[in-house]
Amino acid sequence: MFEGVPLSWFLILSTIMFFIGVYGFLVRKNLITILMSTELILNSVCINFVAFNKILYPEHMEGMFFTVFIIAVAAAEASVAIAIIINIYRRIVNIDVEKMNEMKY
């Protein structure tokens, strides 16, 4: 799978994905796009785990197991976050982050 592709390509792809995710997390005001940015950050970490595991220790599977664990945690996080976003939308009829101070009381 990785025979012809150097590790630097995976690192470049992962870095680009990570910084796009961080940019989206910091700049966007919509809760759905913030959630998508968080998922993008987690996926870039998964790429690093798999690439480093395959290059450094090809006979072991630790990177793959960490990736499966991250995917499971990300799925649970996404389902809880979407449930919270739906609840916020029912109360405020808006999912902008700047409007969240209305839910204090």
N, C-alpha and C. Protein backbone atom coordinates (compact mmCIF):
# COMPACT_ATOMS: atom_id res chain seq x y z
N MET A 1 0.81 -1.20 0.00
CA MET A 1 0.00 0.00 0.00
C MET A 1 0.85 1.26 0.00
N PHE A 2 1.96 1.27 0.77
CA PHE A 2 2.79 2.45 0.88
C PHE A 2 4.12 2.33 0.16
N GLU A 3 4.29 1.31 -0.65
CA GLU A 3 5.61 1.04 -1.23
C GLU A 3 6.14 2.18 -2.08
N GLY A 4 5.31 2.78 -2.92
CA GLY A 4 5.80 3.82 -3.81
C GLY A 4 5.56 5.23 -3.32
N VAL A 5 4.89 5.39 -2.20
CA VAL A 5 4.55 6.73 -1.72
C VAL A 5 5.43 7.08 -0.52
N PRO A 6 6.16 8.19 -0.60
CA PRO A 6 7.02 8.55 0.54
C PRO A 6 6.20 9.07 1.73
N LEU A 7 6.80 8.99 2.89
CA LEU A 7 6.14 9.42 4.12
C LEU A 7 5.83 10.92 4.10
N SER A 8 6.67 11.69 3.43
CA SER A 8 6.47 13.15 3.40
C SER A 8 5.15 13.53 2.74
N TRP A 9 4.67 12.76 1.78
CA TRP A 9 3.38 13.06 1.15
C TRP A 9 2.24 12.93 2.15
N PHE A 10 2.33 11.88 2.98
CA PHE A 10 1.29 11.70 3.99
C PHE A 10 1.34 12.81 5.04
N LEU A 11 2.56 13.22 5.39
CA LEU A 11 2.70 14.30 6.36
C LEU A 11 2.19 15.62 5.81
N ILE A 12 2.44 15.87 4.54
CA ILE A 12 1.94 17.10 3.91
C ILE A 12 0.41 17.09 3.86
N LEU A 13 -0.17 15.97 3.44
CA LEU A 13 -1.62 15.86 3.40
C LEU A 13 -2.23 16.03 4.78
N SER A 14 -1.64 15.39 5.77
CA SER A 14 -2.15 15.47 7.13
C SER A 14 -2.02 16.89 7.68
N THR A 15 -0.92 17.55 7.40
CA THR A 15 -0.73 18.92 7.87
C THR A 15 -1.74 19.86 7.24
N ILE A 16 -1.97 19.72 5.95
CA ILE A 16 -2.96 20.56 5.27
C ILE A 16 -4.35 20.33 5.86
N MET A 17 -4.71 19.07 6.05
CA MET A 17 -6.02 18.76 6.64
C MET A 17 -6.15 19.32 8.06
N PHE A 18 -5.08 19.19 8.84
CA PHE A 18 -5.11 19.68 10.22
C PHE A 18 -5.32 21.18 10.27
N PHE A 19 -4.57 21.93 9.46
CA PHE A 19 -4.69 23.38 9.52
C PHE A 19 -5.98 23.89 8.90
N ILE A 20 -6.53 23.19 7.92
CA ILE A 20 -7.86 23.54 7.42
C ILE A 20 -8.89 23.34 8.53
N GLY A 21 -8.74 22.25 9.28
CA GLY A 21 -9.65 22.00 10.40
C GLY A 21 -9.53 23.04 11.49
N VAL A 22 -8.30 23.42 11.84
CA VAL A 22 -8.10 24.44 12.87
C VAL A 22 -8.65 25.78 12.40
N TYR A 23 -8.42 26.13 11.15
CA TYR A 23 -8.95 27.37 10.60
C TYR A 23 -10.48 27.38 10.65
N GLY A 24 -11.08 26.28 10.23
CA GLY A 24 -12.54 26.20 10.26
C GLY A 24 -13.09 26.24 11.67
N PHE A 25 -12.38 25.64 12.62
CA PHE A 25 -12.83 25.66 14.01
C PHE A 25 -12.77 27.05 14.60
N LEU A 26 -11.74 27.81 14.26
CA LEU A 26 -11.57 29.14 14.85
C LEU A 26 -12.38 30.23 14.14
N VAL A 27 -12.62 30.09 12.86
CA VAL A 27 -13.23 31.17 12.09
C VAL A 27 -14.74 31.01 11.95
N ARG A 28 -15.21 29.81 11.77
CA ARG A 28 -16.64 29.60 11.50
C ARG A 28 -17.50 29.87 12.73
N LYS A 29 -18.74 30.28 12.47
CA LYS A 29 -19.67 30.57 13.54
C LYS A 29 -20.81 29.56 13.61
N ASN A 30 -20.93 28.70 12.63
CA ASN A 30 -21.98 27.70 12.58
C ASN A 30 -21.51 26.44 13.31
N LEU A 31 -22.36 25.89 14.16
CA LEU A 31 -21.96 24.72 14.95
C LEU A 31 -21.69 23.49 14.09
N ILE A 32 -22.42 23.34 12.99
CA ILE A 32 -22.20 22.18 12.11
C ILE A 32 -20.82 22.26 11.45
N THR A 33 -20.42 23.43 11.00
CA THR A 33 -19.09 23.55 10.38
C THR A 33 -17.98 23.40 11.41
N ILE A 34 -18.22 23.81 12.65
CA ILE A 34 -17.24 23.59 13.71
C ILE A 34 -17.09 22.09 13.97
N LEU A 35 -18.20 21.37 13.97
CA LEU A 35 -18.15 19.91 14.14
C LEU A 35 -17.41 19.25 12.98
N MET A 36 -17.65 19.70 11.76
CA MET A 36 -16.94 19.15 10.61
C MET A 36 -15.45 19.45 10.68
N SER A 37 -15.09 20.61 11.18
CA SER A 37 -13.67 20.95 11.34
C SER A 37 -13.00 20.06 12.37
N THR A 38 -13.71 19.74 13.44
CA THR A 38 -13.17 18.83 14.45
C THR A 38 -12.95 17.44 13.85
N GLU A 39 -13.88 16.98 13.04
CA GLU A 39 -13.72 15.69 12.38
C GLU A 39 -12.53 15.70 11.42
N LEU A 40 -12.31 16.82 10.76
CA LEU A 40 -11.17 16.93 9.85
C LEU A 40 -9.85 16.84 10.62
N ILE A 41 -9.79 17.45 11.78
CA ILE A 41 -8.60 17.37 12.63
C ILE A 41 -8.36 15.93 13.06
N LEU A 42 -9.41 15.24 13.49
CA LEU A 42 -9.26 13.85 13.91
C LEU A 42 -8.83 12.94 12.75
N ASN A 43 -9.34 13.20 11.56
CA ASN A 43 -8.93 12.40 10.40
C ASN A 43 -7.46 12.63 10.04
N SER A 44 -6.97 13.85 10.22
CA SER A 44 -5.55 14.09 9.95
C SER A 44 -4.67 13.33 10.95
N VAL A 45 -5.12 13.23 12.19
CA VAL A 45 -4.38 12.44 13.17
C VAL A 45 -4.37 10.97 12.79
N CYS A 46 -5.51 10.47 12.29
CA CYS A 46 -5.58 9.07 11.85
C CYS A 46 -4.60 8.78 10.71
N ILE A 47 -4.49 9.71 9.78
CA ILE A 47 -3.54 9.53 8.68
C ILE A 47 -2.11 9.42 9.22
N ASN A 48 -1.78 10.26 10.19
CA ASN A 48 -0.44 10.19 10.79
C ASN A 48 -0.19 8.86 11.49
N PHE A 49 -1.18 8.39 12.26
CA PHE A 49 -1.02 7.11 12.95
C PHE A 49 -0.75 5.97 11.96
N VAL A 50 -1.55 5.90 10.92
CA VAL A 50 -1.41 4.80 9.96
C VAL A 50 -0.10 4.92 9.18
N ALA A 51 0.24 6.12 8.76
CA ALA A 51 1.46 6.30 7.96
C ALA A 51 2.71 5.98 8.77
N PHE A 52 2.80 6.51 9.98
CA PHE A 52 3.98 6.23 10.80
C PHE A 52 4.06 4.77 11.21
N ASN A 53 2.92 4.16 11.48
CA ASN A 53 2.93 2.75 11.83
C ASN A 53 3.41 1.89 10.66
N LYS A 54 2.93 2.19 9.48
CA LYS A 54 3.29 1.38 8.31
C LYS A 54 4.75 1.58 7.92
N ILE A 55 5.28 2.78 8.09
CA ILE A 55 6.67 3.05 7.72
C ILE A 55 7.64 2.54 8.79
N LEU A 56 7.37 2.83 10.06
CA LEU A 56 8.32 2.50 11.12
C LEU A 56 8.22 1.05 11.59
N TYR A 57 6.99 0.56 11.76
CA TYR A 57 6.78 -0.80 12.27
C TYR A 57 5.78 -1.54 11.39
N PRO A 58 6.18 -1.97 10.21
CA PRO A 58 5.20 -2.58 9.30
C PRO A 58 4.64 -3.92 9.79
N GLU A 59 5.32 -4.58 10.71
CA GLU A 59 4.82 -5.87 11.18
C GLU A 59 3.84 -5.73 12.34
N HIS A 60 3.71 -4.54 12.92
CA HIS A 60 2.80 -4.33 14.04
C HIS A 60 1.55 -3.58 13.58
N MET A 61 0.50 -3.63 14.42
CA MET A 61 -0.77 -3.02 14.05
C MET A 61 -1.23 -1.94 15.03
N GLU A 62 -0.35 -1.39 15.84
CA GLU A 62 -0.78 -0.42 16.84
C GLU A 62 -1.39 0.83 16.23
N GLY A 63 -0.83 1.33 15.16
CA GLY A 63 -1.37 2.52 14.50
C GLY A 63 -2.78 2.29 13.99
N MET A 64 -3.02 1.09 13.47
CA MET A 64 -4.37 0.77 12.98
C MET A 64 -5.37 0.72 14.14
N PHE A 65 -4.94 0.14 15.27
CA PHE A 65 -5.84 0.05 16.42
C PHE A 65 -6.16 1.44 16.98
N PHE A 66 -5.16 2.31 17.05
CA PHE A 66 -5.40 3.68 17.49
C PHE A 66 -6.37 4.39 16.55
N THR A 67 -6.22 4.14 15.26
CA THR A 67 -7.10 4.76 14.27
C THR A 67 -8.53 4.28 14.43
N VAL A 68 -8.72 2.99 14.64
CA VAL A 68 -10.08 2.47 14.86
C VAL A 68 -10.68 3.07 16.14
N PHE A 69 -9.87 3.21 17.17
CA PHE A 69 -10.34 3.82 18.42
C PHE A 69 -10.73 5.28 18.19
N ILE A 70 -9.92 6.03 17.44
CA ILE A 70 -10.23 7.43 17.15
C ILE A 70 -11.52 7.53 16.34
N ILE A 71 -11.71 6.64 15.38
CA ILE A 71 -12.94 6.67 14.58
C ILE A 71 -14.15 6.40 15.45
N ALA A 72 -14.03 5.45 16.40
CA ALA A 72 -15.15 5.15 17.30
C ALA A 72 -15.45 6.34 18.21
N VAL A 73 -14.42 6.97 18.74
CA VAL A 73 -14.63 8.15 19.59
C VAL A 73 -15.21 9.30 18.77
N ALA A 74 -14.76 9.48 17.55
CA ALA A 74 -15.28 10.54 16.69
C ALA A 74 -16.74 10.31 16.34
N ALA A 75 -17.13 9.06 16.14
CA ALA A 75 -18.54 8.77 15.84
C ALA A 75 -19.41 9.06 17.05
N ALA A 76 -18.95 8.69 18.23
CA ALA A 76 -19.71 8.99 19.45
C ALA A 76 -19.78 10.50 19.68
N GLU A 77 -18.68 11.18 19.46
CA GLU A 77 -18.65 12.63 19.62
C GLU A 77 -19.58 13.32 18.63
N ALA A 78 -19.62 12.84 17.41
CA ALA A 78 -20.49 13.44 16.40
C ALA A 78 -21.96 13.22 16.74
N SER A 79 -22.29 12.05 17.21
CA SER A 79 -23.70 11.79 17.53
C SER A 79 -24.16 12.63 18.72
N VAL A 80 -23.32 12.77 19.73
CA VAL A 80 -23.68 13.61 20.88
C VAL A 80 -23.75 15.08 20.47
N ALA A 81 -22.79 15.52 19.66
CA ALA A 81 -22.79 16.92 19.23
C ALA A 81 -24.00 17.24 18.36
N ILE A 82 -24.39 16.33 17.49
CA ILE A 82 -25.57 16.59 16.65
C ILE A 82 -26.83 16.63 17.50
N ALA A 83 -26.91 15.77 18.53
CA ALA A 83 -28.06 15.81 19.43
C ALA A 83 -28.12 17.15 20.17
N ILE A 84 -26.98 17.65 20.61
CA ILE A 84 -26.95 18.95 21.28
C ILE A 84 -27.32 20.07 20.33
N ILE A 85 -26.81 20.00 19.10
CA ILE A 85 -27.13 21.03 18.10
C ILE A 85 -28.62 21.02 17.79
N ILE A 86 -29.24 19.86 17.67
CA ILE A 86 -30.68 19.79 17.41
C ILE A 86 -31.45 20.39 18.59
N ASN A 87 -31.03 20.12 19.81
CA ASN A 87 -31.69 20.69 20.98
C ASN A 87 -31.55 22.21 21.01
N ILE A 88 -30.37 22.71 20.68
CA ILE A 88 -30.16 24.16 20.62
C ILE A 88 -31.04 24.78 19.54
N TYR A 89 -31.12 24.13 18.39
CA TYR A 89 -31.94 24.68 17.30
C TYR A 89 -33.41 24.72 17.67
N ARG A 90 -33.89 23.72 18.41
CA ARG A 90 -35.29 23.73 18.84
C ARG A 90 -35.58 24.87 19.81
N ARG A 91 -34.62 25.24 20.63
CA ARG A 91 -34.83 26.31 21.60
C ARG A 91 -34.67 27.69 21.00
N ILE A 92 -33.62 27.89 20.21
CA ILE A 92 -33.28 29.23 19.73
C ILE A 92 -33.66 29.44 18.26
N VAL A 93 -33.82 28.40 17.48
CA VAL A 93 -34.06 28.42 16.03
C VAL A 93 -32.89 29.09 15.31
N ASN A 94 -31.70 28.85 15.84
CA ASN A 94 -30.48 29.35 15.23
C ASN A 94 -29.32 28.53 15.80
N ILE A 95 -28.31 28.26 14.98
CA ILE A 95 -27.17 27.49 15.47
C ILE A 95 -25.86 28.26 15.35
N ASP A 96 -25.94 29.58 15.37
CA ASP A 96 -24.73 30.39 15.39
C ASP A 96 -24.15 30.41 16.80
N VAL A 97 -22.83 30.38 16.88
CA VAL A 97 -22.16 30.31 18.17
C VAL A 97 -22.37 31.62 18.95
N GLU A 98 -22.49 32.73 18.27
CA GLU A 98 -22.66 34.01 18.95
C GLU A 98 -24.02 34.11 19.66
N LYS A 99 -25.00 33.32 19.27
CA LYS A 99 -26.31 33.37 19.89
C LYS A 99 -26.44 32.43 21.09
N MET A 100 -25.40 31.72 21.44
CA MET A 100 -25.48 30.72 22.50
C MET A 100 -25.61 31.32 23.90
N ASN A 101 -25.32 32.60 24.08
CA ASN A 101 -25.47 33.19 25.40
C ASN A 101 -26.93 33.34 25.81
N GLU A 102 -27.84 33.15 24.88
CA GLU A 102 -29.27 33.21 25.20
C GLU A 102 -29.75 31.98 25.95
N MET A 103 -28.96 30.90 26.00
CA MET A 103 -29.38 29.67 26.67
C MET A 103 -28.95 29.62 28.13
N LYS A 104 -28.43 30.70 28.66
CA LYS A 104 -27.93 30.66 30.03
C LYS A 104 -29.03 30.37 31.04
N TYR A 105 -30.19 31.01 30.90
CA TYR A 105 -31.27 30.84 31.89
C TYR A 105 -32.53 30.37 31.23
